Amino acid sequence: MDPMFAYRVNPQTTQNGPMQVIAIEPFVYEALRSLKGKRAVLDTTRGSVSGMVVDAKPDHVVIQEYDSTFFVRIREIVWIMPES
């Protein structure tokens, strides 16, 4: 199976109606979870974000730097580098 898989948000939708699908990247998600409580640099399609990894969810990660909090969509991340 492909490492990126789809998750059906509302499985009770009728077959003829619209269906919402969320793409989950499990390896990126697990990498971010392992960095929780540590500093990291994330390069995204819109630029770099660095700070403490506060939380990681299947679709986004929360980064905090001083008084700023960033919610970064995982699908926008190009690479991740832990800070030492």
PDB file of N, CA and C in Angstrom:
ATOM      1  N   MET A   1       0.832  -1.185   0.000  1.00  0.00           N
ATOM      2  CA  MET A   1       0.000   0.000   0.000  1.00  0.00           C
ATOM      3  C   MET A   1       0.876   1.248   0.000  1.00  0.00           C
ATOM      4  N   ASP A   2       0.466   2.247  -0.695  1.00  0.00           N
ATOM      5  CA  ASP A   2       1.172   3.518  -0.773  1.00  0.00           C
ATOM      6  C   ASP A   2       1.256   4.148   0.619  1.00  0.00           C
ATOM      7  N   PRO A   3       2.422   4.769   1.007  1.00  0.00           N
ATOM      8  CA  PRO A   3       2.535   5.360   2.341  1.00  0.00           C
ATOM      9  C   PRO A   3       1.546   6.494   2.578  1.00  0.00           C
ATOM     10  N   MET A   4       1.032   7.104   1.534  1.00  0.00           N
ATOM     11  CA  MET A   4       0.027   8.145   1.724  1.00  0.00           C
ATOM     12  C   MET A   4      -1.330   7.523   1.431  1.00  0.00           C
ATOM     13  N   PHE A   5      -2.230   7.601   2.404  1.00  0.00           N
ATOM     14  CA  PHE A   5      -3.523   6.990   2.209  1.00  0.00           C
ATOM     15  C   PHE A   5      -4.617   7.986   2.529  1.00  0.00           C
ATOM     16  N   ALA A   6      -5.819   7.664   2.116  1.00  0.00           N
ATOM     17  CA  ALA A   6      -6.953   8.567   2.306  1.00  0.00           C
ATOM     18  C   ALA A   6      -7.792   8.114   3.483  1.00  0.00           C
ATOM     19  N   TYR A   7      -8.384   9.064   4.152  1.00  0.00           N
ATOM     20  CA  TYR A   7      -9.256   8.799   5.284  1.00  0.00           C
ATOM     21  C   TYR A   7     -10.597   9.440   5.002  1.00  0.00           C
ATOM     22  N   ARG A   8     -11.660   8.670   5.060  1.00  0.00           N
ATOM     23  CA  ARG A   8     -13.000   9.204   4.811  1.00  0.00           C
ATOM     24  C   ARG A   8     -13.510   9.850   6.088  1.00  0.00           C
ATOM     25  N   VAL A   9     -13.825  11.144   6.011  1.00  0.00           N
ATOM     26  CA  VAL A   9     -14.288  11.880   7.171  1.00  0.00           C
ATOM     27  C   VAL A   9     -15.706  11.488   7.543  1.00  0.00           C
ATOM     28  N   ASN A  10     -16.588  11.364   6.568  1.00  0.00           N
ATOM     29  CA  ASN A  10     -17.982  11.048   6.827  1.00  0.00           C
ATOM     30  C   ASN A  10     -18.370   9.817   6.017  1.00  0.00           C
ATOM     31  N   PRO A  11     -18.142   8.604   6.567  1.00  0.00           N
ATOM     32  CA  PRO A  11     -18.397   7.401   5.779  1.00  0.00           C
ATOM     33  C   PRO A  11     -19.875   7.141   5.511  1.00  0.00           C
ATOM     34  N   GLN A  12     -20.786   7.881   6.136  1.00  0.00           N
ATOM     35  CA  GLN A  12     -22.213   7.641   5.953  1.00  0.00           C
ATOM     36  C   GLN A  12     -22.804   8.485   4.824  1.00  0.00           C
ATOM     37  N   THR A  13     -21.958   9.165   4.052  1.00  0.00           N
ATOM     38  CA  THR A  13     -22.420   9.952   2.922  1.00  0.00           C
ATOM     39  C   THR A  13     -22.983   9.017   1.852  1.00  0.00           C
ATOM     40  N   THR A  14     -24.057   9.443   1.213  1.00  0.00           N
ATOM     41  CA  THR A  14     -24.626   8.616   0.147  1.00  0.00           C
ATOM     42  C   THR A  14     -23.639   8.526  -1.004  1.00  0.00           C
ATOM     43  N   GLN A  15     -23.745   7.478  -1.798  1.00  0.00           N
ATOM     44  CA  GLN A  15     -22.807   7.274  -2.897  1.00  0.00           C
ATOM     45  C   GLN A  15     -22.889   8.381  -3.934  1.00  0.00           C
ATOM     46  N   ASN A  16     -24.033   9.004  -4.121  1.00  0.00           N
ATOM     47  CA  ASN A  16     -24.175  10.041  -5.138  1.00  0.00           C
ATOM     48  C   ASN A  16     -23.771  11.422  -4.627  1.00  0.00           C
ATOM     49  N   GLY A  17     -23.605  11.585  -3.329  1.00  0.00           N
ATOM     50  CA  GLY A  17     -23.274  12.886  -2.750  1.00  0.00           C
ATOM     51  C   GLY A  17     -21.772  13.111  -2.687  1.00  0.00           C
ATOM     52  N   PRO A  18     -21.365  14.321  -2.332  1.00  0.00           N
ATOM     53  CA  PRO A  18     -19.936  14.626  -2.226  1.00  0.00           C
ATOM     54  C   PRO A  18     -19.307  13.892  -1.042  1.00  0.00           C
ATOM     55  N   MET A  19     -18.019  13.621  -1.151  1.00  0.00           N
ATOM     56  CA  MET A  19     -17.298  12.932  -0.094  1.00  0.00           C
ATOM     57  C   MET A  19     -16.028  13.717   0.204  1.00  0.00           C
ATOM     58  N   GLN A  20     -15.796  14.025   1.478  1.00  0.00           N
ATOM     59  CA  GLN A  20     -14.588  14.723   1.883  1.00  0.00           C
ATOM     60  C   GLN A  20     -13.500  13.689   2.158  1.00  0.00           C
ATOM     61  N   VAL A  21     -12.308  13.914   1.596  1.00  0.00           N
ATOM     62  CA  VAL A  21     -11.183  13.000   1.763  1.00  0.00           C
ATOM     63  C   VAL A  21      -9.998  13.799   2.272  1.00  0.00           C
ATOM     64  N   ILE A  22      -9.314  13.268   3.285  1.00  0.00           N
ATOM     65  CA  ILE A  22      -8.127  13.914   3.837  1.00  0.00           C
ATOM     66  C   ILE A  22      -6.934  13.008   3.582  1.00  0.00           C
ATOM     67  N   ALA A  23      -5.874  13.542   2.992  1.00  0.00           N
ATOM     68  CA  ALA A  23      -4.659  12.760   2.754  1.00  0.00           C
ATOM     69  C   ALA A  23      -3.801  12.796   4.007  1.00  0.00           C
ATOM     70  N   ILE A  24      -3.362  11.631   4.464  1.00  0.00           N
ATOM     71  CA  ILE A  24      -2.516  11.532   5.649  1.00  0.00           C
ATOM     72  C   ILE A  24      -1.172  10.959   5.221  1.00  0.00           C
ATOM     73  N   GLU A  25      -0.095  11.575   5.682  1.00  0.00           N
ATOM     74  CA  GLU A  25       1.248  11.072   5.410  1.00  0.00           C
ATOM     75  C   GLU A  25       1.784  10.508   6.719  1.00  0.00           C
ATOM     76  N   PRO A  26       1.613   9.204   6.948  1.00  0.00           N
ATOM     77  CA  PRO A  26       1.920   8.630   8.258  1.00  0.00           C
ATOM     78  C   PRO A  26       3.379   8.735   8.688  1.00  0.00           C
ATOM     79  N   PHE A  27       4.327   8.686   7.764  1.00  0.00           N
ATOM     80  CA  PHE A  27       5.732   8.751   8.148  1.00  0.00           C
ATOM     81  C   PHE A  27       6.127  10.161   8.581  1.00  0.00           C
ATOM     82  N   VAL A  28       5.610  11.165   7.907  1.00  0.00           N
ATOM     83  CA  VAL A  28       5.875  12.554   8.303  1.00  0.00           C
ATOM     84  C   VAL A  28       5.210  12.834   9.648  1.00  0.00           C
ATOM     85  N   TYR A  29       3.988  12.370   9.811  1.00  0.00           N
ATOM     86  CA  TYR A  29       3.264  12.539  11.071  1.00  0.00           C
ATOM     87  C   TYR A  29       4.028  11.910  12.233  1.00  0.00           C
ATOM     88  N   GLU A  30       4.513  10.685  12.061  1.00  0.00           N
ATOM     89  CA  GLU A  30       5.270  10.019  13.127  1.00  0.00           C
ATOM     90  C   GLU A  30       6.590  10.733  13.417  1.00  0.00           C
ATOM     91  N   ALA A  31       7.253  11.247  12.378  1.00  0.00           N
ATOM     92  CA  ALA A  31       8.493  12.002  12.584  1.00  0.00           C
ATOM     93  C   ALA A  31       8.222  13.253  13.422  1.00  0.00           C
ATOM     94  N   LEU A  32       7.132  13.942  13.121  1.00  0.00           N
ATOM     95  CA  LEU A  32       6.785  15.141  13.885  1.00  0.00           C
ATOM     96  C   LEU A  32       6.393  14.793  15.317  1.00  0.00           C
ATOM     97  N   ARG A  33       5.681  13.692  15.514  1.00  0.00           N
ATOM     98  CA  ARG A  33       5.322  13.269  16.873  1.00  0.00           C
ATOM     99  C   ARG A  33       6.564  12.964  17.688  1.00  0.00           C
ATOM    100  N   SER A  34       7.591  12.403  17.053  1.00  0.00           N
ATOM    101  CA  SER A  34       8.827  12.079  17.776  1.00  0.00           C
ATOM    102  C   SER A  34       9.601  13.336  18.175  1.00  0.00           C
ATOM    103  N   LEU A  35       9.295  14.459  17.533  1.00  0.00           N
ATOM    104  CA  LEU A  35       9.967  15.726  17.845  1.00  0.00           C
ATOM    105  C   LEU A  35       9.191  16.581  18.846  1.00  0.00           C
ATOM    106  N   LYS A  36       8.068  16.093  19.325  1.00  0.00           N
ATOM    107  CA  LYS A  36       7.252  16.859  20.271  1.00  0.00           C
ATOM    108  C   LYS A  36       8.081  17.204  21.511  1.00  0.00           C
ATOM    109  N   GLY A  37       8.080  18.497  21.864  1.00  0.00           N
ATOM    110  CA  GLY A  37       8.872  18.981  22.998  1.00  0.00           C
ATOM    111  C   GLY A  37      10.293  19.355  22.624  1.00  0.00           C
ATOM    112  N   LYS A  38      10.654  19.204  21.350  1.00  0.00           N
ATOM    113  CA  LYS A  38      11.998  19.540  20.872  1.00  0.00           C
ATOM    114  C   LYS A  38      11.910  20.646  19.822  1.00  0.00           C
ATOM    115  N   ARG A  39      13.043  21.287  19.566  1.00  0.00           N
ATOM    116  CA  ARG A  39      13.101  22.334  18.552  1.00  0.00           C
ATOM    117  C   ARG A  39      13.351  21.708  17.183  1.00  0.00           C
ATOM    118  N   ALA A  40      12.759  22.312  16.158  1.00  0.00           N
ATOM    119  CA  ALA A  40      12.930  21.822  14.792  1.00  0.00           C
ATOM    120  C   ALA A  40      12.778  22.974  13.812  1.00  0.00           C
ATOM    121  N   VAL A  41      13.306  22.769  12.626  1.00  0.00           N
ATOM    122  CA  VAL A  41      13.112  23.689  11.506  1.00  0.00           C
ATOM    123  C   VAL A  41      12.284  22.948  10.473  1.00  0.00           C
ATOM    124  N   LEU A  42      11.212  23.584  10.011  1.00  0.00           N
ATOM    125  CA  LEU A  42      10.369  23.014   8.958  1.00  0.00           C
ATOM    126  C   LEU A  42      10.496  23.904   7.739  1.00  0.00           C
ATOM    127  N   ASP A  43      10.845  23.330   6.613  1.00  0.00           N
ATOM    128  CA  ASP A  43      10.827  24.085   5.375  1.00  0.00           C
ATOM    129  C   ASP A  43       9.509  23.765   4.691  1.00  0.00           C
ATOM    130  N   THR A  44       8.761  24.811   4.345  1.00  0.00           N
ATOM    131  CA  THR A  44       7.461  24.627   3.711  1.00  0.00           C
ATOM    132  C   THR A  44       7.478  25.250   2.325  1.00  0.00           C
ATOM    133  N   THR A  45       6.406  25.067   1.603  1.00  0.00           N
ATOM    134  CA  THR A  45       6.292  25.669   0.277  1.00  0.00           C
ATOM    135  C   THR A  45       6.216  27.183   0.360  1.00  0.00           C
ATOM    136  N   ARG A  46       5.994  27.737   1.563  1.00  0.00           N
ATOM    137  CA  ARG A  46       5.889  29.183   1.758  1.00  0.00           C
ATOM    138  C   ARG A  46       7.073  29.765   2.521  1.00  0.00           C
ATOM    139  N   GLY A  47       8.075  28.947   2.877  1.00  0.00           N
ATOM    140  CA  GLY A  47       9.232  29.420   3.629  1.00  0.00           C
ATOM    141  C   GLY A  47       9.491  28.542   4.834  1.00  0.00           C
ATOM    142  N   SER A  48      10.502  28.906   5.623  1.00  0.00           N
ATOM    143  CA  SER A  48      10.885  28.111   6.786  1.00  0.00           C
ATOM    144  C   SER A  48      10.206  28.601   8.053  1.00  0.00           C
ATOM    145  N   VAL A  49       9.953  27.663   8.966  1.00  0.00           N
ATOM    146  CA  VAL A  49       9.407  27.953  10.287  1.00  0.00           C
ATOM    147  C   VAL A  49      10.260  27.177  11.276  1.00  0.00           C
ATOM    148  N   SER A  50      10.709  27.842  12.341  1.00  0.00           N
ATOM    149  CA  SER A  50      11.484  27.129  13.353  1.00  0.00           C
ATOM    150  C   SER A  50      10.918  27.425  14.729  1.00  0.00           C
ATOM    151  N   GLY A  51      11.103  26.474  15.626  1.00  0.00           N
ATOM    152  CA  GLY A  51      10.635  26.637  16.989  1.00  0.00           C
ATOM    153  C   GLY A  51      10.399  25.290  17.643  1.00  0.00           C
ATOM    154  N   MET A  52       9.714  25.319  18.783  1.00  0.00           N
ATOM    155  CA  MET A  52       9.398  24.115  19.551  1.00  0.00           C
ATOM    156  C   MET A  52       8.175  23.421  18.943  1.00  0.00           C
ATOM    157  N   VAL A  53       8.290  22.118  18.734  1.00  0.00           N
ATOM    158  CA  VAL A  53       7.143  21.339  18.258  1.00  0.00           C
ATOM    159  C   VAL A  53       6.251  21.106  19.476  1.00  0.00           C
ATOM    160  N   VAL A  54       5.102  21.770  19.491  1.00  0.00           N
ATOM    161  CA  VAL A  54       4.188  21.710  20.627  1.00  0.00           C
ATOM    162  C   VAL A  54       3.221  20.541  20.479  1.00  0.00           C
ATOM    163  N   ASP A  55       2.737  20.298  19.265  1.00  0.00           N
ATOM    164  CA  ASP A  55       1.765  19.236  19.037  1.00  0.00           C
ATOM    165  C   ASP A  55       1.829  18.809  17.579  1.00  0.00           C
ATOM    166  N   ALA A  56       1.428  17.578  17.319  1.00  0.00           N
ATOM    167  CA  ALA A  56       1.359  17.074  15.949  1.00  0.00           C
ATOM    168  C   ALA A  56       0.054  16.310  15.780  1.00  0.00           C
ATOM    169  N   LYS A  57      -0.674  16.647  14.762  1.00  0.00           N
ATOM    170  CA  LYS A  57      -1.928  15.984  14.402  1.00  0.00           C
ATOM    171  C   LYS A  57      -1.742  15.389  13.011  1.00  0.00           C
ATOM    172  N   PRO A  58      -2.628  14.492  12.572  1.00  0.00           N
ATOM    173  CA  PRO A  58      -2.451  13.880  11.248  1.00  0.00           C
ATOM    174  C   PRO A  58      -2.410  14.874  10.089  1.00  0.00           C
ATOM    175  N   ASP A  59      -3.009  16.071  10.256  1.00  0.00           N
ATOM    176  CA  ASP A  59      -3.031  17.028   9.145  1.00  0.00           C
ATOM    177  C   ASP A  59      -2.217  18.294   9.394  1.00  0.00           C
ATOM    178  N   HIS A  60      -1.783  18.562  10.635  1.00  0.00           N
ATOM    179  CA  HIS A  60      -1.002  19.771  10.903  1.00  0.00           C
ATOM    180  C   HIS A  60      -0.093  19.586  12.109  1.00  0.00           C
ATOM    181  N   VAL A  61       0.871  20.492  12.224  1.00  0.00           N
ATOM    182  CA  VAL A  61       1.785  20.508  13.366  1.00  0.00           C
ATOM    183  C   VAL A  61       1.740  21.911  13.961  1.00  0.00           C
ATOM    184  N   VAL A  62       1.910  21.992  15.282  1.00  0.00           N
ATOM    185  CA  VAL A  62       1.903  23.279  15.976  1.00  0.00           C
ATOM    186  C   VAL A  62       3.328  23.579  16.414  1.00  0.00           C
ATOM    187  N   ILE A  63       3.841  24.725  15.949  1.00  0.00           N
ATOM    188  CA  ILE A  63       5.190  25.181  16.271  1.00  0.00           C
ATOM    189  C   ILE A  63       5.074  26.477  17.066  1.00  0.00           C
ATOM    190  N   GLN A  64       5.836  26.580  18.165  1.00  0.00           N
ATOM    191  CA  GLN A  64       5.816  27.813  18.957  1.00  0.00           C
ATOM    192  C   GLN A  64       7.218  28.389  19.039  1.00  0.00           C
ATOM    193  N   GLU A  65       7.318  29.678  18.774  1.00  0.00           N
ATOM    194  CA  GLU A  65       8.586  30.413  18.877  1.00  0.00           C
ATOM    195  C   GLU A  65       8.292  31.724  19.578  1.00  0.00           C
ATOM    196  N   TYR A  66       8.829  31.881  20.787  1.00  0.00           N
ATOM    197  CA  TYR A  66       8.561  33.043  21.640  1.00  0.00           C
ATOM    198  C   TYR A  66       7.055  33.194  21.830  1.00  0.00           C
ATOM    199  N   ASP A  67       6.468  34.314  21.446  1.00  0.00           N
ATOM    200  CA  ASP A  67       5.030  34.536  21.630  1.00  0.00           C
ATOM    201  C   ASP A  67       4.211  34.171  20.393  1.00  0.00           C
ATOM    202  N   SER A  68       4.837  33.601  19.389  1.00  0.00           N
ATOM    203  CA  SER A  68       4.135  33.263  18.148  1.00  0.00           C
ATOM    204  C   SER A  68       3.863  31.766  18.067  1.00  0.00           C
ATOM    205  N   THR A  69       2.667  31.423  17.618  1.00  0.00           N
ATOM    206  CA  THR A  69       2.281  30.028  17.409  1.00  0.00           C
ATOM    207  C   THR A  69       1.937  29.848  15.940  1.00  0.00           C
ATOM    208  N   PHE A  70       2.502  28.818  15.325  1.00  0.00           N
ATOM    209  CA  PHE A  70       2.270  28.537  13.913  1.00  0.00           C
ATOM    210  C   PHE A  70       1.592  27.185  13.773  1.00  0.00           C
ATOM    211  N   PHE A  71       0.546  27.140  12.971  1.00  0.00           N
ATOM    212  CA  PHE A  71      -0.145  25.901  12.631  1.00  0.00           C
ATOM    213  C   PHE A  71       0.218  25.602  11.176  1.00  0.00           C
ATOM    214  N   VAL A  72       1.031  24.580  10.960  1.00  0.00           N
ATOM    215  CA  VAL A  72       1.548  24.271   9.629  1.00  0.00           C
ATOM    216  C   VAL A  72       0.896  22.990   9.121  1.00  0.00           C
ATOM    217  N   ARG A  73       0.304  23.062   7.934  1.00  0.00           N
ATOM    218  CA  ARG A  73      -0.291  21.871   7.323  1.00  0.00           C
ATOM    219  C   ARG A  73       0.826  20.912   6.920  1.00  0.00           C
ATOM    220  N   ILE A  74       0.693  19.660   7.279  1.00  0.00           N
ATOM    221  CA  ILE A  74       1.734  18.676   6.987  1.00  0.00           C
ATOM    222  C   ILE A  74       1.969  18.547   5.488  1.00  0.00           C
ATOM    223  N   ARG A  75       0.928  18.658   4.691  1.00  0.00           N
ATOM    224  CA  ARG A  75       1.123  18.503   3.243  1.00  0.00           C
ATOM    225  C   ARG A  75       1.893  19.662   2.613  1.00  0.00           C
ATOM    226  N   GLU A  76       2.129  20.743   3.371  1.00  0.00           N
ATOM    227  CA  GLU A  76       2.926  21.868   2.873  1.00  0.00           C
ATOM    228  C   GLU A  76       4.398  21.743   3.259  1.00  0.00           C
ATOM    229  N   ILE A  77       4.747  20.743   4.079  1.00  0.00           N
ATOM    230  CA  ILE A  77       6.125  20.585   4.540  1.00  0.00           C
ATOM    231  C   ILE A  77       6.967  19.906   3.461  1.00  0.00           C
ATOM    232  N   VAL A  78       8.142  20.502   3.182  1.00  0.00           N
ATOM    233  CA  VAL A  78       9.084  19.942   2.215  1.00  0.00           C
ATOM    234  C   VAL A  78      10.107  19.065   2.951  1.00  0.00           C
ATOM    235  N   TRP A  79      10.681  19.588   4.050  1.00  0.00           N
ATOM    236  CA  TRP A  79      11.606  18.799   4.859  1.00  0.00           C
ATOM    237  C   TRP A  79      11.563  19.272   6.301  1.00  0.00           C
ATOM    238  N   ILE A  80      12.076  18.406   7.204  1.00  0.00           N
ATOM    239  CA  ILE A  80      12.102  18.669   8.638  1.00  0.00           C
ATOM    240  C   ILE A  80      13.535  18.430   9.120  1.00  0.00           C
ATOM    241  N   MET A  81      14.037  19.344   9.957  1.00  0.00           N
ATOM    242  CA  MET A  81      15.378  19.161  10.524  1.00  0.00           C
ATOM    243  C   MET A  81      15.326  19.448  12.022  1.00  0.00           C
ATOM    244  N   PRO A  82      15.616  18.447  12.851  1.00  0.00           N
ATOM    245  CA  PRO A  82      15.679  18.702  14.295  1.00  0.00           C
ATOM    246  C   PRO A  82      16.840  19.652  14.600  1.00  0.00           C
ATOM    247  N   GLU A  83      16.639  20.563  15.538  1.00  0.00           N
ATOM    248  CA  GLU A  83      17.719  21.458  15.976  1.00  0.00           C
ATOM    249  C   GLU A  83      18.436  20.803  17.150  1.00  0.00           C
ATOM    250  N   SER A  84      19.761  21.001  17.230  1.00  0.00           N
ATOM    251  CA  SER A  84      20.489  20.418  18.349  1.00  0.00           C
ATOM    252  C   SER A  84      20.656  21.399  19.474  1.00  0.00           C
TER     253      SER A  84
END
